[in-house]
Protein backbone atom coordinates (compact mmCIF):
# COMPACT_ATOMS: atom_id res chain seq x y z
CA MET A 1 -56.18 -16.56 -17.34
CA THR A 2 -54.31 -13.26 -17.53
CA PRO A 3 -51.67 -13.12 -20.25
CA ARG A 4 -48.19 -12.52 -19.00
CA THR A 5 -46.40 -9.45 -20.21
CA PRO A 6 -42.95 -10.09 -21.54
CA ALA A 7 -40.18 -9.18 -19.20
CA THR A 8 -38.42 -5.94 -19.98
CA PRO A 9 -34.98 -6.82 -21.22
CA ALA A 10 -32.26 -5.82 -18.79
CA THR A 11 -30.23 -2.89 -19.95
CA PRO A 12 -26.56 -3.07 -19.20
CA ALA A 13 -25.68 -0.73 -16.38
CA THR A 14 -23.14 1.92 -17.11
CA PRO A 15 -19.93 0.67 -15.51
CA LYS A 16 -18.46 2.67 -12.69
CA ARG A 17 -15.29 4.52 -13.58
CA SER A 18 -12.27 5.36 -11.45
CA ALA A 19 -9.14 7.36 -12.20
CA GLY A 20 -5.83 7.47 -10.40
CA LEU A 21 -2.17 8.36 -10.31
CA LEU A 22 0.58 5.76 -10.06
CA LEU A 23 3.73 7.34 -8.65
CA PHE A 24 7.04 5.77 -9.61
CA ARG A 25 10.66 6.38 -8.76
CA HIS A 26 14.00 4.97 -9.83
CA THR A 27 16.22 3.30 -7.23
CA ASP A 28 19.49 1.37 -7.33
CA ASP A 29 17.35 -1.81 -7.23
CA GLY A 30 15.20 -0.71 -10.17
CA PRO A 31 11.89 1.12 -10.52
CA GLN A 32 9.42 1.24 -7.66
CA VAL A 33 5.74 2.18 -7.58
CA LEU A 34 3.63 3.58 -4.77
CA LEU A 35 0.55 1.49 -3.98
CA GLY A 36 -2.13 1.87 -1.34
CA HIS A 37 -3.58 -0.95 0.77
CA MET A 38 -7.37 -0.76 0.69
CA GLY A 39 -8.82 0.17 4.05
CA GLY A 40 -11.76 -1.32 5.86
CA PRO A 41 -12.56 -4.69 7.35
CA TYR A 42 -12.77 -6.65 4.09
CA PHE A 43 -9.10 -6.13 3.28
CA ALA A 44 -7.61 -5.91 6.79
CA LYS A 45 -6.00 -9.35 6.69
CA LYS A 46 -5.37 -9.56 2.94
CA ASP A 47 -2.21 -8.76 1.05
CA ALA A 48 -2.46 -10.23 -2.47
CA GLY A 49 -5.08 -8.32 -4.43
CA ALA A 50 -5.59 -5.74 -1.67
CA TRP A 51 -3.17 -3.09 -2.99
CA THR A 52 -4.22 -0.52 -5.57
CA VAL A 53 -3.25 2.56 -7.51
CA PRO A 54 -4.52 5.52 -5.43
CA LYS A 55 -7.75 6.21 -7.30
CA GLY A 56 -11.42 6.91 -6.96
CA GLU A 57 -14.72 7.08 -8.77
CA TYR A 58 -15.89 9.99 -10.84
CA GLU A 59 -19.00 11.07 -12.71
CA PRO A 60 -19.21 11.11 -16.52
CA ASP A 61 -19.13 14.91 -16.65
CA GLU A 62 -15.76 15.12 -14.83
CA PRO A 63 -12.59 14.68 -16.92
CA ALA A 64 -10.69 11.56 -15.84
CA TRP A 65 -7.42 13.50 -15.43
CA GLU A 66 -9.04 15.98 -13.03
CA ALA A 67 -10.66 13.10 -11.12
CA ALA A 68 -7.28 11.33 -10.81
CA ARG A 69 -5.71 14.43 -9.27
CA ARG A 70 -8.70 15.06 -6.97
CA GLU A 71 -8.77 11.46 -5.81
CA PHE A 72 -5.03 11.46 -5.10
CA ARG A 73 -5.58 14.40 -2.75
CA GLU A 74 -8.64 12.76 -1.14
CA GLU A 75 -7.06 9.31 -0.75
CA LEU A 76 -3.62 10.42 0.49
CA GLY A 77 -4.28 13.86 1.97
CA LEU A 78 -1.46 15.33 -0.11
CA PRO A 79 -1.45 17.43 -3.27
CA PRO A 80 -0.83 15.44 -6.44
CA PRO A 81 2.72 15.85 -7.72
CA ASP A 82 3.53 17.90 -10.77
CA GLY A 83 5.50 16.34 -13.57
CA GLU A 84 5.07 14.62 -16.89
CA ALA A 85 2.03 12.36 -16.83
CA ILE A 86 2.41 9.09 -18.69
CA GLY A 87 -0.93 7.73 -19.83
CA LEU A 88 -1.31 4.09 -18.83
CA GLY A 89 -4.73 3.63 -20.42
CA GLU A 90 -7.66 1.74 -18.97
CA VAL A 91 -8.33 -1.66 -17.46
CA ARG A 92 -11.59 -3.37 -16.58
CA GLN A 93 -11.57 -4.96 -13.15
CA LYS A 94 -13.39 -8.18 -12.29
CA ASN A 95 -16.23 -6.16 -10.75
CA GLY A 96 -16.74 -4.36 -14.09
CA LYS A 97 -15.28 -1.04 -12.95
CA ILE A 98 -13.15 0.71 -15.56
CA VAL A 99 -9.97 2.24 -14.14
CA THR A 100 -7.90 4.87 -15.96
CA ALA A 101 -4.40 5.69 -14.70
CA TRP A 102 -1.44 7.94 -15.30
CA ALA A 103 2.09 7.45 -14.01
CA ILE A 104 4.11 10.37 -12.65
CA GLU A 105 7.72 10.19 -11.52
CA ALA A 106 7.82 11.53 -7.97
CA ASP A 107 8.97 10.61 -4.49
CA LEU A 108 6.66 10.56 -1.50
CA ASP A 109 7.20 9.59 2.13
CA PRO A 110 4.49 7.05 3.01
CA ALA A 111 4.48 8.38 6.59
CA ALA A 112 3.27 11.76 5.28
CA ILE A 113 -0.15 10.56 4.15
CA THR A 114 -3.39 11.49 5.88
CA PRO A 115 -5.91 9.17 4.27
CA GLY A 116 -9.49 10.07 3.57
CA THR A 117 -12.18 7.96 5.22
CA PHE A 118 -15.46 6.24 4.41
CA THR A 119 -18.35 5.10 6.58
CA LEU A 120 -19.57 1.51 6.58
CA GLU A 121 -22.13 -0.45 8.57
CA TRP A 122 -19.92 -2.83 10.53
CA PRO A 123 -20.46 -5.56 11.49
CA PRO A 124 -22.95 -6.20 8.67
CA ARG A 125 -26.63 -5.82 9.62
CA SER A 126 -25.64 -4.54 13.08
CA GLY A 127 -27.08 -1.07 12.58
CA ARG A 128 -23.74 0.39 13.75
CA THR A 129 -21.56 2.43 11.44
CA GLN A 130 -17.83 2.86 11.65
CA GLU A 131 -15.38 5.06 9.83
CA PHE A 132 -12.45 3.44 8.01
CA PRO A 133 -9.51 4.90 6.07
CA GLU A 134 -9.79 4.71 2.27
CA LEU A 135 -6.20 3.43 2.26
CA ASP A 136 -4.87 2.14 5.57
CA ARG A 137 -1.24 2.37 4.42
CA VAL A 138 0.88 3.07 1.37
CA ALA A 139 4.24 1.59 0.44
CA TRP A 140 6.82 1.51 -2.32
CA PHE A 141 7.18 -1.78 -4.20
CA GLY A 142 9.54 -3.07 -6.87
CA LEU A 143 7.60 -4.07 -9.98
CA ASP A 144 7.81 -7.83 -9.32
CA ARG A 145 6.51 -7.55 -5.77
CA ALA A 146 3.87 -5.01 -6.89
CA ARG A 147 2.52 -7.58 -9.40
CA GLU A 148 2.04 -10.03 -6.52
CA VAL A 149 -0.09 -7.68 -4.40
CA ILE A 150 -1.91 -5.31 -6.77
CA VAL A 151 -5.54 -5.81 -7.83
CA THR A 152 -5.17 -8.32 -10.67
CA ALA A 153 -6.43 -6.14 -13.54
CA GLN A 154 -4.25 -3.22 -12.45
CA ALA A 155 -1.08 -5.28 -13.08
CA ALA A 156 -1.46 -4.14 -16.69
CA PHE A 157 -0.54 -0.62 -15.52
CA LEU A 158 2.76 -1.97 -14.18
CA ASP A 159 3.49 -3.68 -17.49
CA ARG A 160 2.70 -0.50 -19.44
CA LEU A 161 4.92 1.55 -17.14
CA ALA A 162 7.76 -0.96 -17.57
CA GLU A 163 7.38 -0.77 -21.37
CA HIS A 164 7.48 3.01 -21.26
CA SER A 165 10.57 3.01 -19.03
CA ALA A 166 12.46 0.47 -21.15
């Protein structure tokens, strides 16, 4: 009988990291934030939990702030706005990804975006690939409505922005 070798203990994978910019503006009805609806077939018919801060992944050697600005440009096809950046800290999403965000007061016309794209095999196991927009649309939301549709963990960014604006 051959002795079994003990299993190598699993090492925790380094969590993926994303960084993004949350634009906000003041209106007569209160503050609003700009969120993007995640593109692709998995989110096409979803509303709640399908909206996000425009953000994207970055490597450990890239500063999060630079990644947030780069990803804004890639996701929306527009240069990131200048202005005072308000650090909103980090959140850990259900999938383990750590997201860092900054808020910047700016106005943006959602019709002006030209979203970046990604390629996905669709339908699954079909061997066919299709291109989908990273964000299929963006929209301004009041904070209450934004809390209803944003990725659950990212609601903390809305709360932190509200505290800063109070």
